[in-house]
C-alpha atoms as a PDB file:
ATOM      1  CA  MET A   1     150.222 185.843 287.168  1.00  0.00           C
ATOM      2  CA  GLN A   2     150.333 183.377 284.274  1.00  0.00           C
ATOM      3  CA  GLY A   3     147.460 182.789 281.906  1.00  0.00           C
ATOM      4  CA  THR A   4     146.286 181.974 278.371  1.00  0.00           C
ATOM      5  CA  ILE A   5     144.966 184.515 275.853  1.00  0.00           C
ATOM      6  CA  LEU A   6     141.446 183.495 274.898  1.00  0.00           C
ATOM      7  CA  LYS A   7     140.581 186.377 272.589  1.00  0.00           C
ATOM      8  CA  ALA A   8     142.370 189.370 270.999  1.00  0.00           C
ATOM      9  CA  ILE A   9     140.287 192.275 269.681  1.00  0.00           C
ATOM     10  CA  SER A  10     141.370 195.861 268.871  1.00  0.00           C
ATOM     11  CA  GLY A  11     144.462 195.808 271.082  1.00  0.00           C
ATOM     12  CA  PHE A  12     142.757 194.176 274.054  1.00  0.00           C
ATOM     13  CA  TYR A  13     143.782 190.684 275.188  1.00  0.00           C
ATOM     14  CA  TYR A  14     141.446 188.564 277.308  1.00  0.00           C
ATOM     15  CA  VAL A  15     143.651 186.452 279.553  1.00  0.00           C
ATOM     16  CA  ASN A  16     142.273 183.486 281.462  1.00  0.00           C
ATOM     17  CA  THR A  17     143.782 182.218 284.719  1.00  0.00           C
ATOM     18  CA  ASN A  18     142.216 180.127 287.440  1.00  0.00           C
ATOM     19  CA  ASN A  19     138.849 180.269 285.590  1.00  0.00           C
ATOM     20  CA  LYS A  20     138.792 184.100 285.645  1.00  0.00           C
ATOM     21  CA  THR A  21     139.363 186.310 282.591  1.00  0.00           C
ATOM     22  CA  TYR A  22     141.060 189.715 282.661  1.00  0.00           C
ATOM     23  CA  GLU A  23     140.931 192.365 279.960  1.00  0.00           C
ATOM     24  CA  CYS A  24     144.530 193.360 279.356  1.00  0.00           C
ATOM     25  CA  LYS A  25     146.636 195.707 277.294  1.00  0.00           C
ATOM     26  CA  ALA A  26     150.180 194.816 276.257  1.00  0.00           C
ATOM     27  CA  ARG A  27     153.395 196.558 277.232  1.00  0.00           C
ATOM     28  CA  GLY A  28     154.848 198.899 274.612  1.00  0.00           C
ATOM     29  CA  ASN A  29     158.049 196.882 274.452  1.00  0.00           C
ATOM     30  CA  PHE A  30     156.291 194.200 272.415  1.00  0.00           C
ATOM     31  CA  ARG A  31     155.690 196.704 269.642  1.00  0.00           C
ATOM     32  CA  LYS A  32     159.336 197.790 269.734  1.00  0.00           C
ATOM     33  CA  ALA A  33     160.404 194.166 269.431  1.00  0.00           C
ATOM     34  CA  GLY A  34     158.030 193.638 266.462  1.00  0.00           C
ATOM     35  CA  ILE A  35     155.866 191.003 268.186  1.00  0.00           C
ATOM     36  CA  SER A  36     152.328 190.944 269.439  1.00  0.00           C
ATOM     37  CA  PRO A  37     150.432 188.581 271.729  1.00  0.00           C
ATOM     38  CA  VAL A  38     147.973 186.290 269.923  1.00  0.00           C
ATOM     39  CA  VAL A  39     145.195 183.906 270.838  1.00  0.00           C
ATOM     40  CA  GLY A  40     146.672 180.833 272.469  1.00  0.00           C
ATOM     41  CA  ASP A  41     149.739 182.537 273.852  1.00  0.00           C
ATOM     42  CA  ARG A  42     150.777 181.664 277.356  1.00  0.00           C
ATOM     43  CA  VAL A  43     151.684 184.906 279.054  1.00  0.00           C
ATOM     44  CA  ASP A  44     152.778 186.568 282.302  1.00  0.00           C
ATOM     45  CA  PHE A  45     150.584 189.529 283.235  1.00  0.00           C
ATOM     46  CA  THR A  46     150.146 191.993 286.046  1.00  0.00           C
ATOM     47  CA  ILE A  47     146.703 192.503 287.575  1.00  0.00           C
ATOM     48  CA  ILE A  48     145.669 196.151 287.824  1.00  0.00           C
ATOM     49  CA  ASP A  49     142.269 195.648 289.408  1.00  0.00           C
ATOM     50  CA  ASN A  50     139.560 192.952 289.611  1.00  0.00           C
ATOM     51  CA  GLU A  51     138.943 193.058 285.845  1.00  0.00           C
ATOM     52  CA  HIS A  52     142.006 194.499 284.136  1.00  0.00           C
ATOM     53  CA  GLY A  53     145.692 193.762 283.648  1.00  0.00           C
ATOM     54  CA  VAL A  54     148.839 194.248 281.573  1.00  0.00           C
ATOM     55  CA  VAL A  55     150.616 191.547 279.545  1.00  0.00           C
ATOM     56  CA  GLU A  56     154.274 191.551 280.497  1.00  0.00           C
ATOM     57  CA  LYS A  57     155.789 188.493 278.808  1.00  0.00           C
ATOM     58  CA  ILE A  58     154.966 185.988 276.093  1.00  0.00           C
ATOM     59  CA  HIS A  59     156.191 182.457 276.821  1.00  0.00           C
ATOM     60  CA  GLU A  60     158.004 180.451 274.129  1.00  0.00           C
ATOM     61  CA  ARG A  61     155.538 179.173 271.563  1.00  0.00           C
ATOM     62  CA  LYS A  62     155.127 175.531 270.556  1.00  0.00           C
ATOM     63  CA  ASN A  63     153.936 176.764 267.142  1.00  0.00           C
ATOM     64  CA  PHE A  64     152.488 179.838 265.507  1.00  0.00           C
ATOM     65  CA  LEU A  65     150.128 180.355 262.571  1.00  0.00           C
ATOM     66  CA  SER A  66     149.553 183.689 260.917  1.00  0.00           C
ATOM     67  CA  ARG A  67     146.180 182.889 259.376  1.00  0.00           C
ATOM     68  CA  PRO A  68     144.328 182.619 261.621  1.00  0.00           C
ATOM     69  CA  LEU A  69     146.464 184.239 264.278  1.00  0.00           C
ATOM     70  CA  ILE A  70     146.797 181.536 266.882  1.00  0.00           C
ATOM     71  CA  ALA A  71     149.621 179.886 268.849  1.00  0.00           C
ATOM     72  CA  ASN A  72     150.306 176.681 270.788  1.00  0.00           C
ATOM     73  CA  LEU A  73     147.841 174.401 269.072  1.00  0.00           C
ATOM     74  CA  ASP A  74     148.020 170.729 269.962  1.00  0.00           C
ATOM     75  CA  LYS A  75     145.441 169.371 267.528  1.00  0.00           C
ATOM     76  CA  LEU A  76     143.658 170.554 264.403  1.00  0.00           C
ATOM     77  CA  PHE A  77     140.278 168.890 263.687  1.00  0.00           C
ATOM     78  CA  ILE A  78     139.768 168.944 259.894  1.00  0.00           C
ATOM     79  CA  VAL A  79     136.029 168.642 259.358  1.00  0.00           C
ATOM     80  CA  SER A  80     134.227 167.642 256.169  1.00  0.00           C
ATOM     81  CA  SER A  81     130.621 166.661 255.580  1.00  0.00           C
ATOM     82  CA  TYR A  82     128.825 164.234 253.301  1.00  0.00           C
ATOM     83  CA  LYS A  83     127.429 167.019 251.078  1.00  0.00           C
ATOM     84  CA  THR A  84     126.702 170.748 250.934  1.00  0.00           C
ATOM     85  CA  PRO A  85     129.670 170.908 250.631  1.00  0.00           C
ATOM     86  CA  SER A  86     131.043 167.483 249.792  1.00  0.00           C
ATOM     87  CA  PRO A  87     134.514 166.411 250.947  1.00  0.00           C
ATOM     88  CA  ASP A  88     137.487 167.394 248.818  1.00  0.00           C
ATOM     89  CA  PHE A  89     140.802 165.436 248.968  1.00  0.00           C
ATOM     90  CA  LEU A  90     142.993 168.404 248.118  1.00  0.00           C
ATOM     91  CA  SER A  91     141.416 170.655 250.746  1.00  0.00           C
ATOM     92  CA  ILE A  92     141.822 168.020 253.466  1.00  0.00           C
ATOM     93  CA  ASP A  93     145.384 167.177 252.437  1.00  0.00           C
ATOM     94  CA  ARG A  94     146.400 170.852 252.388  1.00  0.00           C
ATOM     95  CA  LEU A  95     145.339 171.152 256.008  1.00  0.00           C
ATOM     96  CA  THR A  96     146.990 167.944 257.128  1.00  0.00           C
ATOM     97  CA  ALA A  97     150.243 169.153 255.510  1.00  0.00           C
ATOM     98  CA  VAL A  98     149.989 172.575 257.185  1.00  0.00           C
ATOM     99  CA  ALA A  99     149.305 170.897 260.553  1.00  0.00           C
ATOM    100  CA  VAL A 100     152.241 168.470 260.298  1.00  0.00           C
ATOM    101  CA  TYR A 101     154.595 171.269 259.244  1.00  0.00           C
ATOM    102  CA  HIS A 102     153.589 173.321 262.310  1.00  0.00           C
ATOM    103  CA  ASN A 103     153.886 170.361 264.737  1.00  0.00           C
ATOM    104  CA  ILE A 104     150.115 170.110 265.162  1.00  0.00           C
ATOM    105  CA  GLU A 105     148.375 166.762 265.205  1.00  0.00           C
ATOM    106  CA  PRO A 106     145.804 166.639 262.396  1.00  0.00           C
ATOM    107  CA  ILE A 107     142.596 164.765 263.156  1.00  0.00           C
ATOM    108  CA  ILE A 108     140.224 164.135 260.239  1.00  0.00           C
ATOM    109  CA  VAL A 109     136.486 164.228 261.004  1.00  0.00           C
ATOM    110  CA  PHE A 110     133.766 163.346 258.469  1.00  0.00           C
ATOM    111  CA  ASN A 111     130.477 164.711 259.813  1.00  0.00           C
ATOM    112  CA  LYS A 112     126.955 163.924 258.716  1.00  0.00           C
ATOM    113  CA  CYS A 113     127.703 160.157 258.363  1.00  0.00           C
ATOM    114  CA  ASP A 114     123.953 159.652 258.766  1.00  0.00           C
ATOM    115  CA  MET A 115     123.486 161.102 255.252  1.00  0.00           C
ATOM    116  CA  GLY A 116     125.456 158.519 253.256  1.00  0.00           C
ATOM    117  CA  ASP A 117     128.550 156.355 252.790  1.00  0.00           C
ATOM    118  CA  PHE A 118     132.052 157.757 253.182  1.00  0.00           C
ATOM    119  CA  GLY A 119     133.590 154.583 251.817  1.00  0.00           C
ATOM    120  CA  GLN A 120     136.098 156.111 249.398  1.00  0.00           C
ATOM    121  CA  PHE A 121     137.355 158.504 252.033  1.00  0.00           C
ATOM    122  CA  LYS A 122     137.547 155.762 254.668  1.00  0.00           C
ATOM    123  CA  LYS A 123     139.820 153.744 252.378  1.00  0.00           C
ATOM    124  CA  VAL A 124     142.189 156.664 251.821  1.00  0.00           C
ATOM    125  CA  TYR A 125     142.521 158.071 255.306  1.00  0.00           C
ATOM    126  CA  LEU A 126     142.498 154.882 257.341  1.00  0.00           C
ATOM    127  CA  ASN A 127     145.648 154.009 255.321  1.00  0.00           C
ATOM    128  CA  THR A 128     147.415 157.084 256.585  1.00  0.00           C
ATOM    129  CA  CYS A 129     148.817 157.670 260.069  1.00  0.00           C
ATOM    130  CA  PHE A 130     146.117 160.292 260.806  1.00  0.00           C
ATOM    131  CA  LYS A 131     143.320 159.577 263.218  1.00  0.00           C
ATOM    132  CA  THR A 132     140.053 159.580 261.252  1.00  0.00           C
ATOM    133  CA  TYR A 133     136.541 159.642 262.624  1.00  0.00           C
ATOM    134  CA  PHE A 134     133.130 159.305 260.994  1.00  0.00           C
ATOM    135  CA  VAL A 135     130.482 161.090 263.081  1.00  0.00           C
ATOM    136  CA  SER A 136     127.070 162.683 263.148  1.00  0.00           C
ATOM    137  CA  ALA A 137     126.682 165.667 265.411  1.00  0.00           C
ATOM    138  CA  LYS A 138     122.936 165.626 264.670  1.00  0.00           C
ATOM    139  CA  ASP A 139     122.436 162.035 265.821  1.00  0.00           C
ATOM    140  CA  ASP A 140     125.229 161.956 268.417  1.00  0.00           C
ATOM    141  CA  ILE A 141     127.206 159.283 266.559  1.00  0.00           C
ATOM    142  CA  GLY A 142     130.929 159.156 267.357  1.00  0.00           C
ATOM    143  CA  MET A 143     130.881 162.190 269.664  1.00  0.00           C
ATOM    144  CA  GLN A 144     132.561 160.344 272.504  1.00  0.00           C
ATOM    145  CA  SER A 145     135.633 159.830 270.332  1.00  0.00           C
ATOM    146  CA  ILE A 146     135.823 163.547 269.614  1.00  0.00           C
ATOM    147  CA  LYS A 147     135.382 164.274 273.303  1.00  0.00           C
ATOM    148  CA  ASN A 148     138.261 161.937 274.176  1.00  0.00           C
ATOM    149  CA  GLU A 149     140.509 163.751 271.696  1.00  0.00           C
ATOM    150  CA  LEU A 150     139.753 167.144 273.242  1.00  0.00           C
ATOM    151  CA  LYS A 151     140.925 166.166 276.712  1.00  0.00           C
ATOM    152  CA  ASP A 152     143.842 168.231 278.056  1.00  0.00           C
ATOM    153  CA  SER A 153     144.579 169.783 274.667  1.00  0.00           C
ATOM    154  CA  VAL A 154     144.411 173.121 272.870  1.00  0.00           C
ATOM    155  CA  CYS A 155     142.408 172.327 269.742  1.00  0.00           C
ATOM    156  CA  ALA A 156     141.074 174.180 266.711  1.00  0.00           C
ATOM    157  CA  PHE A 157     138.481 173.242 264.103  1.00  0.00           C
ATOM    158  CA  ALA A 158     138.752 173.946 260.384  1.00  0.00           C
ATOM    159  CA  GLY A 159     136.263 173.231 257.650  1.00  0.00           C
ATOM    160  CA  ASN A 160     134.071 174.820 255.036  1.00  0.00           C
ATOM    161  CA  SER A 161     131.091 176.739 256.346  1.00  0.00           C
ATOM    162  CA  GLY A 162     128.251 174.351 256.719  1.00  0.00           C
ATOM    163  CA  VAL A 163     130.240 171.159 257.461  1.00  0.00           C
ATOM    164  CA  GLY A 164     129.245 171.333 261.138  1.00  0.00           C
ATOM    165  CA  LYS A 165     132.250 172.579 263.075  1.00  0.00           C
ATOM    166  CA  SER A 166     130.147 174.531 265.544  1.00  0.00           C
ATOM    167  CA  SER A 167     127.518 171.807 265.633  1.00  0.00           C
ATOM    168  CA  ILE A 168     130.169 169.255 266.679  1.00  0.00           C
ATOM    169  CA  ILE A 169     131.459 171.592 269.369  1.00  0.00           C
ATOM    170  CA  ASN A 170     127.952 172.258 270.640  1.00  0.00           C
ATOM    171  CA  SER A 171     127.193 168.534 270.633  1.00  0.00           C
ATOM    172  CA  VAL A 172     130.203 167.800 272.803  1.00  0.00           C
ATOM    173  CA  PHE A 173     129.914 170.913 274.964  1.00  0.00           C
ATOM    174  CA  ASN A 174     126.298 172.053 274.853  1.00  0.00           C
ATOM    175  CA  ASP A 175     127.017 174.952 277.248  1.00  0.00           C
ATOM    176  CA  PHE A 176     129.081 176.715 274.517  1.00  0.00           C
ATOM    177  CA  SER A 177     126.093 177.510 272.280  1.00  0.00           C
ATOM    178  CA  LEU A 178     128.216 178.584 269.348  1.00  0.00           C
ATOM    179  CA  LYS A 179     126.276 180.066 266.460  1.00  0.00           C
ATOM    180  CA  THR A 180     125.635 177.734 263.521  1.00  0.00           C
ATOM    181  CA  GLY A 181     124.996 178.858 259.987  1.00  0.00           C
ATOM    182  CA  GLU A 182     122.345 177.538 257.640  1.00  0.00           C
ATOM    183  CA  VAL A 183     123.786 176.104 254.436  1.00  0.00           C
ATOM    184  CA  SER A 184     122.714 177.671 251.168  1.00  0.00           C
ATOM    185  CA  GLU A 185     121.722 174.820 248.814  1.00  0.00           C
ATOM    186  CA  LYS A 186     121.955 177.155 245.830  1.00  0.00           C
ATOM    187  CA  LEU A 187     125.557 178.138 246.519  1.00  0.00           C
ATOM    188  CA  GLY A 188     126.613 174.827 248.113  1.00  0.00           C
ATOM    189  CA  ARG A 189     128.245 176.630 251.012  1.00  0.00           C
ATOM    190  CA  GLY A 190     127.291 178.331 254.241  1.00  0.00           C
ATOM    191  CA  ARG A 191     127.602 181.778 255.641  1.00  0.00           C
ATOM    192  CA  HIS A 192     130.640 182.495 257.824  1.00  0.00           C
ATOM    193  CA  THR A 193     129.278 182.767 261.324  1.00  0.00           C
ATOM    194  CA  THR A 194     132.603 182.993 263.224  1.00  0.00           C
ATOM    195  CA  ARG A 195     134.389 186.307 262.617  1.00  0.00           C
ATOM    196  CA  HIS A 196     137.438 185.848 264.820  1.00  0.00           C
ATOM    197  CA  THR A 197     139.316 183.038 266.504  1.00  0.00           C
ATOM    198  CA  GLU A 198     138.436 182.576 270.170  1.00  0.00           C
ATOM    199  CA  LEU A 199     139.487 179.904 272.641  1.00  0.00           C
ATOM    200  CA  TYR A 200     136.838 178.403 274.900  1.00  0.00           C
ATOM    201  CA  GLN A 201     137.884 176.698 278.150  1.00  0.00           C
ATOM    202  CA  HIS A 202     136.110 173.420 278.791  1.00  0.00           C
ATOM    203  CA  ASN A 203     135.762 170.972 281.657  1.00  0.00           C
ATOM    204  CA  LEU A 204     138.024 168.354 280.064  1.00  0.00           C
ATOM    205  CA  GLY A 205     141.103 170.332 280.964  1.00  0.00           C
ATOM    206  CA  GLY A 206     141.726 172.166 277.724  1.00  0.00           C
ATOM    207  CA  TYR A 207     140.647 174.803 275.228  1.00  0.00           C
ATOM    208  CA  VAL A 208     138.828 174.636 271.944  1.00  0.00           C
ATOM    209  CA  ALA A 209     138.689 177.227 269.143  1.00  0.00           C
ATOM    210  CA  ASP A 210     136.218 177.729 266.334  1.00  0.00           C
ATOM    211  CA  THR A 211     137.919 179.355 263.336  1.00  0.00           C
ATOM    212  CA  PRO A 212     136.490 181.652 260.639  1.00  0.00           C
ATOM    213  CA  GLY A 213     136.255 179.439 257.606  1.00  0.00           C
ATOM    214  CA  PHE A 214     138.034 176.569 255.891  1.00  0.00           C
ATOM    215  CA  SER A 215     140.577 178.737 254.037  1.00  0.00           C
ATOM    216  CA  SER A 216     141.755 180.375 257.235  1.00  0.00           C
ATOM    217  CA  PHE A 217     144.462 177.701 257.624  1.00  0.00           C
ATOM    218  CA  GLU A 218     146.317 178.402 254.399  1.00  0.00           C
ATOM    219  CA  VAL A 219     149.513 177.260 252.780  1.00  0.00           C
ATOM    220  CA  ASP A 220     152.020 180.071 252.988  1.00  0.00           C
ATOM    221  CA  LEU A 221     153.165 180.308 249.381  1.00  0.00           C
ATOM    222  CA  SER A 222     156.189 182.439 250.464  1.00  0.00           C
ATOM    223  CA  ASP A 223     157.561 179.938 252.972  1.00  0.00           C
ATOM    224  CA  TYR A 224     160.578 178.291 251.391  1.00  0.00           C
ATOM    225  CA  ASN A 225     161.051 175.921 254.295  1.00  0.00           C
ATOM    226  CA  PHE A 226     157.548 174.540 253.751  1.00  0.00           C
ATOM    227  CA  LYS A 227     158.544 173.783 250.176  1.00  0.00           C
ATOM    228  CA  LEU A 228     161.721 172.003 251.364  1.00  0.00           C
ATOM    229  CA  ASN A 229     159.803 169.941 253.889  1.00  0.00           C
ATOM    230  CA  LEU A 230     156.663 169.285 251.924  1.00  0.00           C
ATOM    231  CA  ALA A 231     157.328 165.578 251.336  1.00  0.00           C
ATOM    232  CA  ASN A 232     157.843 165.113 255.077  1.00  0.00           C
ATOM    233  CA  CYS A 233     154.395 166.659 255.648  1.00  0.00           C
ATOM    234  CA  PHE A 234     152.955 163.488 254.022  1.00  0.00           C
ATOM    235  CA  PRO A 235     154.031 160.906 256.725  1.00  0.00           C
ATOM    236  CA  GLU A 236     153.250 157.890 254.572  1.00  0.00           C
ATOM    237  CA  PHE A 237     156.055 158.959 252.192  1.00  0.00           C
ATOM    238  CA  SER A 238     158.710 158.556 254.929  1.00  0.00           C
ATOM    239  CA  ASP A 239     159.493 154.892 254.342  1.00  0.00           C
ATOM    240  CA  HIS A 240     160.175 155.520 250.613  1.00  0.00           C
ATOM    241  CA  LEU A 241     161.944 158.902 250.451  1.00  0.00           C
ATOM    242  CA  SER A 242     165.492 157.488 250.914  1.00  0.00           C
ATOM    243  CA  MET A 243     165.042 155.037 248.064  1.00  0.00           C
ATOM    244  CA  CYS A 244     164.593 157.650 245.320  1.00  0.00           C
ATOM    245  CA  LYS A 245     167.212 157.423 242.513  1.00  0.00           C
ATOM    246  CA  PHE A 246     168.072 161.139 242.781  1.00  0.00           C
ATOM    247  CA  SER A 247     168.578 163.123 245.964  1.00  0.00           C
ATOM    248  CA  SER A 248     166.921 166.177 244.306  1.00  0.00           C
ATOM    249  CA  CYS A 249     163.830 164.213 243.341  1.00  0.00           C
ATOM    250  CA  SER A 250     160.632 166.282 243.488  1.00  0.00           C
ATOM    251  CA  HIS A 251     158.550 163.066 243.839  1.00  0.00           C
ATOM    252  CA  THR A 252     156.151 164.300 241.157  1.00  0.00           C
ATOM    253  CA  ILE A 253     157.111 162.932 237.707  1.00  0.00           C
ATOM    254  CA  GLU A 254     160.691 161.583 237.865  1.00  0.00           C
ATOM    255  CA  LYS A 255     161.657 158.126 236.673  1.00  0.00           C
ATOM    256  CA  GLY A 256     163.161 156.146 239.501  1.00  0.00           C
ATOM    257  CA  CYS A 257     161.090 157.971 242.122  1.00  0.00           C
ATOM    258  CA  ALA A 258     160.309 155.576 244.966  1.00  0.00           C
ATOM    259  CA  ILE A 259     157.232 157.607 245.905  1.00  0.00           C
ATOM    260  CA  ILE A 260     155.731 157.164 242.416  1.00  0.00           C
ATOM    261  CA  ASP A 261     156.617 153.459 242.513  1.00  0.00           C
ATOM    262  CA  ALA A 262     154.837 153.179 245.891  1.00  0.00           C
ATOM    263  CA  VAL A 263     151.744 154.893 244.412  1.00  0.00           C
ATOM    264  CA  ASN A 264     151.780 152.447 241.459  1.00  0.00           C
ATOM    265  CA  ASP A 265     152.086 149.556 243.888  1.00  0.00           C
ATOM    266  CA  SER A 266     149.152 150.901 245.959  1.00  0.00           C
ATOM    267  CA  LYS A 267     151.365 151.463 249.008  1.00  0.00           C
ATOM    268  CA  ILE A 268     150.506 155.180 248.884  1.00  0.00           C
ATOM    269  CA  GLU A 269     147.025 156.354 247.948  1.00  0.00           C
ATOM    270  CA  LYS A 270     146.896 158.085 244.547  1.00  0.00           C
ATOM    271  CA  SER A 271     144.694 160.887 245.794  1.00  0.00           C
ATOM    272  CA  ARG A 272     147.275 161.744 248.429  1.00  0.00           C
ATOM    273  CA  HIS A 273     150.073 161.870 245.850  1.00  0.00           C
ATOM    274  CA  ASN A 274     147.850 164.016 243.583  1.00  0.00           C
ATOM    275  CA  SER A 275     147.398 166.462 246.461  1.00  0.00           C
ATOM    276  CA  TYR A 276     151.119 166.520 247.160  1.00  0.00           C
ATOM    277  CA  THR A 277     151.821 167.239 243.471  1.00  0.00           C
ATOM    278  CA  SER A 278     149.241 170.057 243.365  1.00  0.00           C
ATOM    279  CA  ILE A 279     150.747 171.731 246.418  1.00  0.00           C
ATOM    280  CA  TYR A 280     154.317 171.191 245.125  1.00  0.00           C
ATOM    281  CA  ASN A 281     153.415 172.834 241.808  1.00  0.00           C
ATOM    282  CA  GLU A 282     152.076 175.877 243.634  1.00  0.00           C
ATOM    283  CA  LEU A 283     155.408 176.179 245.452  1.00  0.00           C
ATOM    284  CA  LYS A 284     157.885 175.044 242.751  1.00  0.00           C
ATOM    285  CA  ASN A 285     158.852 178.558 241.586  1.00  0.00           C
ATOM    286  CA  LEU A 286     159.646 179.648 245.149  1.00  0.00           C
ATOM    287  CA  ASN A 287     163.363 180.148 245.751  1.00  0.00           C
ATOM    288  CA  VAL A 288     165.352 181.258 248.764  1.00  0.00           C
ATOM    289  CA  TRP A 289     165.692 184.790 247.383  1.00  0.00           C
ATOM    290  CA  ASN A 290     161.984 185.378 246.838  1.00  0.00           C
ATOM    291  CA  SER A 291     160.702 183.726 250.006  1.00  0.00           C
ATOM    292  CA  SER A 292     159.714 185.242 253.333  1.00  0.00           C
ATOM    293  CA  ILE A 293     161.637 182.654 255.320  1.00  0.00           C
ATOM    294  CA  LYS A 294     165.219 182.092 254.273  1.00  0.00           C
ATOM    295  CA  LYS A 295     166.868 178.721 254.054  1.00  0.00           C
END
C-alpha cells in the first residue's frame, strides 16, 4: 500500500491511505541507511492487521526541512497579525527565503485586518512575486482566497504564537478544531499550543499542517549552499543580478552593485534589501570547510 505520513511520535508513524490511518513502525534498514521517515513522506507500507503496519519504502522527496521535520511541502503560509505581535519585515523575509530555497511556494498572510491598516506592508509585498493576502479569521474576511490556495496541496503554516494560524485553519475547516492560544498582552506573544507537526487531511484534496512556532522554520546557518543561493531566494533581484560590476558581488555594500542601484531607484523595496543584508551577514563567515553541506 502507498500512503502519506500524517504524524510521527516516538518511533510510530501514522500513515494515511484511502481515508484510513494505520499506526506503523519502520523497517530497521532505514536506521542502517541513516534515514528516518518524517511527516509528509509518501511511503510504501505493509498492512499487518486492521490498525497496524510497517513502513517499507520512502518515496523520493520534493523537499525536506529539518526544523520542523517535514517533507514534500507545496506551500508555506507565512502569517503575521496587526499587533500582539506586530509584523516584522525580517521575520517574514527569512521565511520567504527559506521557502524559495526549498522549492516551496511562500504565501504571505496578514491576519486581523479588521484591527487596522496594513498599508506599509501592502506596498512592500504586492511589489514582490509572492502572493499576499489581507484577511480576518475572526470576521471571515478573505478566507475564500486562503481556501482556494489550499486546494490539492500539502501546506504548512508558520507565524508567531498569537498571529492566528490555528484560527485561520479553523475558520476554513471548522471540523479541525485546532487549539488556539490566548495572547499575553504583557509579553506581546502567545503560548505555544502546537507541540509537534501534524498533517490534517481535508476535503479540498490536500493536507494542511500547523507548526510549533514561528522560529520552527529557521535559516540553517551551516548550509553553505543557502549562502551561495541567497540572492536567488529574493526573486525580485533576478532581473538585476547579471548587471553587477563584479561577479563576486555580495549585493550588500559594493559600488557598482546593480541590486543597490535598483534599491536606490525604488525598483526593489529597501526593507527587502535590508532583510537580505541581515541574513547575508549572518552567513558571511560560512565557508565550504566549516559547513554541513559541501559545495
